[in-house]
Amino acid sequence: MNGERYLQPFRFRFYFNYPGTLLLVVRPLSEGEQATWRVVLSASVLLVERLDRELQEAHGLSLSEYQVLAHLASVPARGLRMRELADRALMSKSRLTHVVNRLEAGGLVVRERCAADRRGLNAVLTRRGQRLVQLAAATHVHGVRRHLIEVLPRRDVVVVTRGLSHVVDHLLDDRAGC
């Protein structure tokens, strides 16, 4: 199997000594845990790269740009406050600003003052952005289906979803505390 090279475990202990703290000894991952980590990391990186490339080739959009457009298209007003959009897209405010700058330069999104308090900004999908995200959605869904859903046995789709949902929930809880 080609993926086996990613499954080879490291065999050493980690020791960290942070200034002003006691020495922290971290229990190394077992072979099975190491294999899980390497497969999750490899699959995530390779899947994101493939989906990004397919969107770039077909529509000139990065996966991050598509993600922002899709979130905007999913709400009735076709617009979201920048902070809420950053949270939904799992991006920092800075990263979202860069993505929205590119989309705005392409005429796919405009920024408008928030009507509720006039201090905040909303990113709003333009008609051109709406048309492009509808076309790109077909490419994206086809890629997700082809490179993830159809590759996994049906029973594993449920198991993967359940297992990774725990990871997402844990990380979102940590993120909210920051």
Protein backbone atom coordinates (compact mmCIF):
# COMPACT_ATOMS: atom_id res chain seq x y z
CA MET A 1 0.00 0.00 0.00
CA ASN A 2 1.41 3.42 -0.98
CA GLY A 3 0.22 5.06 2.24
CA GLU A 4 2.34 2.72 4.40
CA ARG A 5 5.34 5.06 4.28
CA TYR A 6 3.24 7.52 6.30
CA LEU A 7 2.50 4.90 8.95
CA GLN A 8 6.01 4.22 10.22
CA PRO A 9 6.13 5.19 13.93
CA PHE A 10 8.90 7.18 15.56
CA ARG A 11 10.45 5.52 18.60
CA PHE A 12 11.57 8.16 21.08
CA ARG A 13 10.31 10.14 24.06
CA PHE A 14 9.64 13.86 24.02
CA TYR A 15 10.88 16.11 26.81
CA PHE A 16 9.91 19.76 27.00
CA ASN A 17 11.27 22.25 29.49
CA TYR A 18 9.46 25.56 29.22
CA PRO A 19 11.10 28.50 31.03
CA GLY A 20 9.75 28.80 34.56
CA THR A 21 8.05 25.41 34.48
CA LEU A 22 8.81 21.88 35.53
CA LEU A 23 10.06 19.35 33.04
CA LEU A 24 7.15 17.88 31.13
CA VAL A 25 7.40 14.28 29.98
CA VAL A 26 5.06 13.44 27.12
CA ARG A 27 4.06 9.83 26.62
CA PRO A 28 4.94 8.87 23.03
CA LEU A 29 2.21 7.71 20.68
CA SER A 30 1.76 3.97 20.33
CA GLU A 31 2.24 2.47 16.88
CA GLY A 32 -1.53 2.48 16.33
CA GLU A 33 -1.89 6.08 17.55
CA GLN A 34 1.02 7.18 15.36
CA ALA A 35 -0.58 5.44 12.37
CA THR A 36 -3.90 7.20 13.08
CA TRP A 37 -2.23 10.60 13.31
CA ARG A 38 -0.21 10.13 10.13
CA VAL A 39 -3.22 8.91 8.13
CA VAL A 40 -5.43 11.79 9.33
CA LEU A 41 -2.70 14.33 8.54
CA SER A 42 -1.86 12.83 5.14
CA ALA A 43 -5.50 12.45 4.10
CA SER A 44 -6.31 16.01 5.20
CA VAL A 45 -3.39 17.60 3.37
CA LEU A 46 -3.82 15.53 0.20
CA LEU A 47 -7.61 16.03 0.06
CA VAL A 48 -7.38 19.80 0.58
CA GLU A 49 -4.63 20.06 -2.05
CA ARG A 50 -6.69 18.08 -4.58
CA LEU A 51 -9.94 19.98 -3.98
CA ASP A 52 -8.06 23.29 -4.16
CA ARG A 53 -6.36 22.34 -7.43
CA GLU A 54 -9.64 21.23 -9.01
CA LEU A 55 -11.35 24.50 -8.08
CA GLN A 56 -8.36 26.53 -9.31
CA GLU A 57 -8.26 24.72 -12.65
CA ALA A 58 -12.01 24.84 -13.28
CA HIS A 59 -12.96 28.23 -11.83
CA GLY A 60 -9.85 30.17 -10.79
CA LEU A 61 -10.89 29.92 -7.13
CA SER A 62 -8.91 28.61 -4.20
CA LEU A 63 -10.64 26.29 -1.74
CA SER A 64 -10.55 29.12 0.83
CA GLU A 65 -12.23 31.50 -1.61
CA TYR A 66 -14.85 28.92 -2.49
CA GLN A 67 -15.49 28.27 1.19
CA VAL A 68 -16.14 31.98 1.85
CA LEU A 69 -18.43 32.28 -1.18
CA ALA A 70 -20.32 29.14 -0.15
CA HIS A 71 -20.90 30.48 3.37
CA LEU A 72 -22.21 33.75 1.97
CA ALA A 73 -24.45 31.92 -0.50
CA SER A 74 -25.90 29.81 2.31
CA VAL A 75 -27.57 32.71 4.12
CA PRO A 76 -30.75 34.45 2.89
CA ALA A 77 -29.23 37.95 2.85
CA ARG A 78 -26.18 36.67 0.92
CA GLY A 79 -24.02 38.53 3.42
CA LEU A 80 -22.43 38.05 6.83
CA ARG A 81 -20.59 40.21 9.29
CA MET A 82 -16.86 39.64 8.78
CA ARG A 83 -16.36 38.23 12.31
CA GLU A 84 -19.18 35.73 11.87
CA LEU A 85 -17.88 34.76 8.44
CA ALA A 86 -14.40 34.18 9.90
CA ASP A 87 -15.91 31.92 12.58
CA ARG A 88 -17.97 29.94 10.07
CA ALA A 89 -15.07 29.54 7.64
CA LEU A 90 -12.66 28.62 10.49
CA MET A 91 -10.29 31.43 9.48
CA SER A 92 -8.51 34.09 11.45
CA LYS A 93 -9.81 37.62 10.88
CA SER A 94 -6.54 38.44 9.13
CA ARG A 95 -6.73 35.48 6.76
CA LEU A 96 -10.38 36.22 6.00
CA THR A 97 -9.49 39.83 5.19
CA HIS A 98 -6.94 38.63 2.61
CA VAL A 99 -9.42 36.20 1.07
CA VAL A 100 -12.20 38.82 0.93
CA ASN A 101 -9.75 41.33 -0.61
CA ARG A 102 -9.11 38.90 -3.48
CA LEU A 103 -12.82 38.16 -3.90
CA GLU A 104 -13.65 41.86 -3.83
CA ALA A 105 -10.97 42.60 -6.45
CA GLY A 106 -12.63 39.97 -8.66
CA GLY A 107 -16.07 41.52 -8.24
CA LEU A 108 -17.40 38.47 -6.39
CA VAL A 109 -17.95 40.15 -3.01
CA VAL A 110 -18.49 43.70 -1.76
CA ARG A 111 -18.03 45.07 1.73
CA GLU A 112 -20.89 47.05 3.21
CA ARG A 113 -21.31 48.79 6.54
CA CYS A 114 -23.39 46.79 8.99
CA ALA A 115 -26.84 48.40 9.16
CA ALA A 116 -27.28 47.44 12.83
CA ASP A 117 -24.32 49.34 14.29
CA ARG A 118 -22.47 51.00 11.36
CA ARG A 119 -19.10 50.05 12.92
CA GLY A 120 -18.89 46.54 11.55
CA LEU A 121 -18.51 45.39 7.97
CA ASN A 122 -20.48 42.76 6.14
CA ALA A 123 -19.12 40.74 3.24
CA VAL A 124 -21.91 40.49 0.67
CA LEU A 125 -22.04 38.18 -2.33
CA THR A 126 -22.50 39.92 -5.70
CA ARG A 127 -24.55 38.47 -8.56
CA ARG A 128 -21.31 37.51 -10.27
CA GLY A 129 -20.16 35.78 -7.05
CA GLN A 130 -23.50 33.97 -6.80
CA ARG A 131 -23.20 32.63 -10.35
CA LEU A 132 -19.59 31.51 -9.81
CA VAL A 133 -20.25 29.77 -6.49
CA GLN A 134 -23.14 27.85 -8.08
CA LEU A 135 -20.82 26.61 -10.85
CA ALA A 136 -17.98 25.89 -8.45
CA ALA A 137 -20.28 23.98 -6.10
CA ALA A 138 -20.74 21.26 -8.69
CA THR A 139 -16.96 20.90 -9.08
CA HIS A 140 -16.44 20.89 -5.31
CA VAL A 141 -19.18 18.35 -4.54
CA HIS A 142 -17.95 16.09 -7.35
CA GLY A 143 -14.42 16.26 -5.89
CA VAL A 144 -15.55 15.53 -2.33
CA ARG A 145 -17.63 12.62 -3.55
CA ARG A 146 -14.87 11.25 -5.82
CA HIS A 147 -11.91 11.67 -3.45
CA LEU A 148 -13.55 11.01 -0.08
CA ILE A 149 -17.10 9.63 0.03
CA GLU A 150 -16.76 7.05 -2.76
CA VAL A 151 -13.29 5.97 -1.62
CA LEU A 152 -14.55 4.95 1.82
CA PRO A 153 -16.76 1.94 2.39
CA ARG A 154 -20.25 3.19 3.34
CA ARG A 155 -19.97 1.98 6.96
CA ASP A 156 -16.65 3.83 7.34
CA VAL A 157 -18.19 7.15 6.27
CA VAL A 158 -20.36 7.05 9.39
CA VAL A 159 -17.45 6.01 11.62
CA VAL A 160 -15.12 8.69 10.22
CA THR A 161 -17.82 11.35 10.60
CA ARG A 162 -18.56 10.34 14.18
CA GLY A 163 -14.90 10.12 15.18
CA LEU A 164 -13.74 13.35 13.60
CA SER A 165 -16.80 15.19 14.94
CA HIS A 166 -15.42 14.61 18.44
CA VAL A 167 -12.11 16.15 17.36
CA VAL A 168 -13.85 19.16 15.78
CA ASP A 169 -16.02 19.71 18.87
CA HIS A 170 -12.99 19.52 21.16
CA LEU A 171 -10.97 21.96 19.05
CA LEU A 172 -13.87 24.39 18.66
CA ASP A 173 -14.36 24.34 22.45
CA ASP A 174 -10.65 25.18 22.88
CA ARG A 175 -10.90 27.91 20.23
CA ALA A 176 -13.88 29.52 21.97
CA GLY A 177 -11.84 29.77 25.16
CA CYS A 178 -9.09 31.78 23.47
